[in-house]
Amino acid sequence: MSVATPEPETPPPPETIEGLFEALESPLLRYALRLLKDPEMAEDLVQEAFVRLHAQFAHVRERRSWLYRTVHNLALNHQRRERKVVPLPTAGAAGEADEAAEMPDRRARPDEQILRDENIGLVRLGLEQLDARARELIRLKFHEGLSYREISERTGLTTGHVGYLLHHSLKALASELARAGLVP
């Protein structure tokens, strides 16, 4: 009778961003939805957390808890921003003339307008350096205000791939703008 010797255990493969996305996307979405009560914003925050993790994947040790903490912090930041929005009085409200008289003139001075126009030109030049797909994703996200899921539906890309491409496109744009001296 032979005694079976146990085979040495092989260490588990290192976590991958894809594996984490597959395992944690749904639980993180449920968590974000409990915090925000807004399904689209919850999706955006979870995608943003994965994009941030991807950018610093090698430096994060406890990736699962890091993702939950990041989603939590992003949700809190979103809630803080939402509380800062103060609606303006509607037309016909009592005291409207008095309030209008007290509001400062918000028009830009000519030198500020020239600088603004130059900066817009630099951003447009930076965008032209990107490939057509990257420009389209940036347009859909920032011009049309679509969520990652909506962009995914329009382009046929997965939401994870949309987040990945947007992250790298914005990083390339930021580098181009830094070279132009627009951002530090």
Protein backbone atom coordinates (compact mmCIF):
# COMPACT_ATOMS: atom_id res chain seq x y z
CA MET A 1 0.00 0.00 0.00
CA SER A 2 1.48 3.28 -1.05
CA VAL A 3 0.92 6.49 0.78
CA ALA A 4 0.02 9.40 -1.45
CA THR A 5 2.24 12.34 -0.86
CA PRO A 6 0.50 15.66 -1.18
CA GLU A 7 1.57 17.71 -4.16
CA PRO A 8 3.12 21.04 -3.28
CA GLU A 9 0.61 23.84 -3.50
CA THR A 10 1.21 26.30 -6.25
CA PRO A 11 0.84 29.89 -5.22
CA PRO A 12 -2.30 31.58 -6.53
CA PRO A 13 -1.74 33.70 -9.63
CA PRO A 14 -1.34 37.40 -8.93
CA GLU A 15 -4.53 39.41 -9.14
CA THR A 16 -5.16 41.08 -12.45
CA ILE A 17 -7.21 44.18 -13.14
CA GLU A 18 -9.47 42.06 -15.34
CA GLY A 19 -10.01 39.49 -12.61
CA LEU A 20 -10.75 42.15 -10.04
CA PHE A 21 -13.16 43.87 -12.42
CA GLU A 22 -14.97 40.62 -13.08
CA ALA A 23 -15.18 39.71 -9.39
CA LEU A 24 -15.90 43.12 -7.87
CA GLU A 25 -17.77 45.23 -10.41
CA SER A 26 -21.25 44.10 -9.30
CA PRO A 27 -20.57 44.26 -5.52
CA LEU A 28 -18.98 47.70 -5.92
CA LEU A 29 -21.94 48.91 -7.99
CA ARG A 30 -24.35 47.76 -5.28
CA TYR A 31 -22.21 49.50 -2.64
CA ALA A 32 -22.02 52.75 -4.63
CA LEU A 33 -25.76 52.62 -5.33
CA ARG A 34 -26.49 52.31 -1.59
CA LEU A 35 -24.35 55.40 -1.00
CA LEU A 36 -25.69 57.54 -3.85
CA LYS A 37 -29.14 56.29 -4.90
CA ASP A 38 -28.16 57.20 -8.50
CA PRO A 39 -27.43 54.21 -10.77
CA GLU A 40 -25.57 56.15 -13.47
CA MET A 41 -23.38 58.02 -11.01
CA ALA A 42 -22.69 54.75 -9.17
CA GLU A 43 -21.48 53.22 -12.46
CA ASP A 44 -19.28 56.22 -13.19
CA LEU A 45 -17.70 56.12 -9.73
CA VAL A 46 -16.98 52.39 -9.93
CA GLN A 47 -15.41 52.85 -13.36
CA GLU A 48 -13.37 55.77 -12.04
CA ALA A 49 -12.14 53.60 -9.15
CA PHE A 50 -10.99 50.90 -11.58
CA VAL A 51 -9.28 53.48 -13.80
CA ARG A 52 -7.44 54.84 -10.77
CA LEU A 53 -6.46 51.35 -9.69
CA HIS A 54 -5.17 50.58 -13.17
CA ALA A 55 -2.98 53.69 -13.05
CA GLN A 56 -1.29 52.57 -9.82
CA PHE A 57 -1.90 48.82 -9.88
CA ALA A 58 1.67 47.81 -9.00
CA HIS A 59 1.74 50.08 -5.94
CA VAL A 60 -1.55 49.00 -4.33
CA ARG A 61 -1.25 46.02 -1.99
CA GLU A 62 -4.77 45.41 -0.70
CA ARG A 63 -6.56 46.00 -3.98
CA ARG A 64 -10.03 44.86 -2.96
CA SER A 65 -10.23 47.06 0.13
CA TRP A 66 -8.54 49.87 -1.84
CA LEU A 67 -11.34 49.71 -4.43
CA TYR A 68 -14.08 49.86 -1.78
CA ARG A 69 -12.36 52.75 -0.02
CA THR A 70 -11.92 54.61 -3.33
CA VAL A 71 -15.58 54.15 -4.28
CA HIS A 72 -16.57 55.35 -0.81
CA ASN A 73 -14.36 58.45 -1.07
CA LEU A 74 -15.54 59.23 -4.61
CA ALA A 75 -19.15 58.98 -3.44
CA LEU A 76 -18.50 61.32 -0.52
CA ASN A 77 -16.78 63.82 -2.82
CA HIS A 78 -19.71 63.66 -5.22
CA GLN A 79 -22.18 64.28 -2.39
CA ARG A 80 -20.13 67.27 -1.18
CA ARG A 81 -20.09 68.78 -4.68
CA GLU A 82 -23.84 68.28 -5.02
CA ARG A 83 -24.48 70.12 -1.73
CA LYS A 84 -22.52 73.12 -2.99
CA VAL A 85 -24.90 73.68 -5.91
CA VAL A 86 -27.20 76.54 -4.99
CA PRO A 87 -30.11 77.24 -7.35
CA LEU A 88 -30.56 80.79 -8.58
CA PRO A 89 -33.91 82.46 -7.96
CA THR A 90 -36.41 82.03 -10.77
CA ALA A 91 -37.64 84.95 -12.87
CA GLY A 92 -40.42 86.90 -11.23
CA ALA A 93 -39.27 86.15 -7.70
CA ALA A 94 -39.75 88.89 -5.14
CA GLY A 95 -36.74 91.14 -4.78
CA GLU A 96 -35.35 90.11 -8.17
CA ALA A 97 -34.31 93.64 -9.12
CA ASP A 98 -32.45 94.11 -5.82
CA GLU A 99 -30.56 90.81 -6.22
CA ALA A 100 -29.59 91.60 -9.81
CA ALA A 101 -28.23 94.97 -8.74
CA GLU A 102 -26.00 93.31 -6.12
CA MET A 103 -24.54 90.67 -8.45
CA PRO A 104 -21.05 91.55 -9.73
CA ASP A 105 -20.29 91.78 -13.44
CA ARG A 106 -18.99 88.31 -14.38
CA ARG A 107 -17.80 89.21 -17.89
CA ALA A 108 -14.12 88.58 -18.45
CA ARG A 109 -11.75 91.47 -18.96
CA PRO A 110 -10.24 91.64 -22.47
CA ASP A 111 -6.85 90.27 -21.34
CA GLU A 112 -8.57 87.39 -19.52
CA GLN A 113 -10.65 86.62 -22.62
CA ILE A 114 -7.53 86.54 -24.83
CA LEU A 115 -5.79 84.17 -22.41
CA ARG A 116 -8.92 81.99 -22.28
CA ASP A 117 -9.12 81.86 -26.08
CA GLU A 118 -5.43 80.94 -26.33
CA ASN A 119 -5.89 78.16 -23.77
CA ILE A 120 -8.90 76.82 -25.65
CA GLY A 121 -6.76 76.78 -28.79
CA LEU A 122 -4.04 74.82 -26.99
CA VAL A 123 -6.59 72.28 -25.74
CA ARG A 124 -7.94 71.87 -29.27
CA LEU A 125 -4.42 71.34 -30.60
CA GLY A 126 -3.82 68.76 -27.88
CA LEU A 127 -7.02 66.97 -28.83
CA GLU A 128 -5.93 66.88 -32.46
CA GLN A 129 -2.83 64.94 -31.40
CA LEU A 130 -5.08 62.09 -30.19
CA ASP A 131 -6.43 59.41 -32.51
CA ALA A 132 -10.01 59.64 -33.77
CA ARG A 133 -11.37 57.03 -31.33
CA ALA A 134 -9.88 58.83 -28.33
CA ARG A 135 -11.30 62.16 -29.50
CA GLU A 136 -14.74 60.58 -29.95
CA LEU A 137 -14.69 59.04 -26.46
CA ILE A 138 -13.70 62.37 -24.92
CA ARG A 139 -16.45 64.12 -26.89
CA LEU A 140 -19.08 61.62 -25.74
CA LYS A 141 -17.97 61.83 -22.09
CA PHE A 142 -17.42 65.56 -21.70
CA HIS A 143 -19.42 67.22 -24.46
CA GLU A 144 -22.48 64.97 -24.37
CA GLY A 145 -22.09 64.04 -20.70
CA LEU A 146 -22.63 60.32 -21.25
CA SER A 147 -21.85 57.69 -18.65
CA TYR A 148 -19.37 54.90 -19.39
CA ARG A 149 -22.28 52.52 -19.96
CA GLU A 150 -23.93 54.87 -22.47
CA ILE A 151 -20.62 55.32 -24.29
CA SER A 152 -20.22 51.55 -24.29
CA GLU A 153 -23.67 51.12 -25.87
CA ARG A 154 -22.89 53.70 -28.58
CA THR A 155 -19.43 52.44 -29.45
CA GLY A 156 -19.73 48.69 -28.88
CA LEU A 157 -16.80 48.73 -26.45
CA THR A 158 -17.06 47.23 -22.98
CA THR A 159 -17.48 49.72 -20.13
CA GLY A 160 -14.12 48.65 -18.73
CA HIS A 161 -12.45 49.30 -22.06
CA VAL A 162 -14.16 52.70 -22.31
CA GLY A 163 -12.73 53.63 -18.90
CA TYR A 164 -9.29 52.34 -19.85
CA LEU A 165 -9.22 54.26 -23.15
CA LEU A 166 -10.53 57.45 -21.57
CA HIS A 167 -7.94 57.25 -18.82
CA HIS A 168 -5.07 56.90 -21.26
CA SER A 169 -6.47 59.52 -23.66
CA LEU A 170 -6.82 62.08 -20.88
CA LYS A 171 -3.35 61.23 -19.61
CA ALA A 172 -1.93 61.81 -23.12
CA LEU A 173 -3.87 65.07 -23.42
CA ALA A 174 -2.57 66.24 -20.03
CA SER A 175 0.99 65.48 -21.11
CA GLU A 176 0.50 67.46 -24.30
CA LEU A 177 -0.96 70.41 -22.37
CA ALA A 178 1.93 70.25 -19.87
CA ARG A 179 4.41 70.43 -22.76
CA ALA A 180 2.53 73.49 -24.05
CA GLY A 181 2.79 75.06 -20.59
CA LEU A 182 -0.95 75.15 -19.99
CA VAL A 183 -0.88 72.91 -16.92
CA PRO A 184 1.93 72.29 -14.41
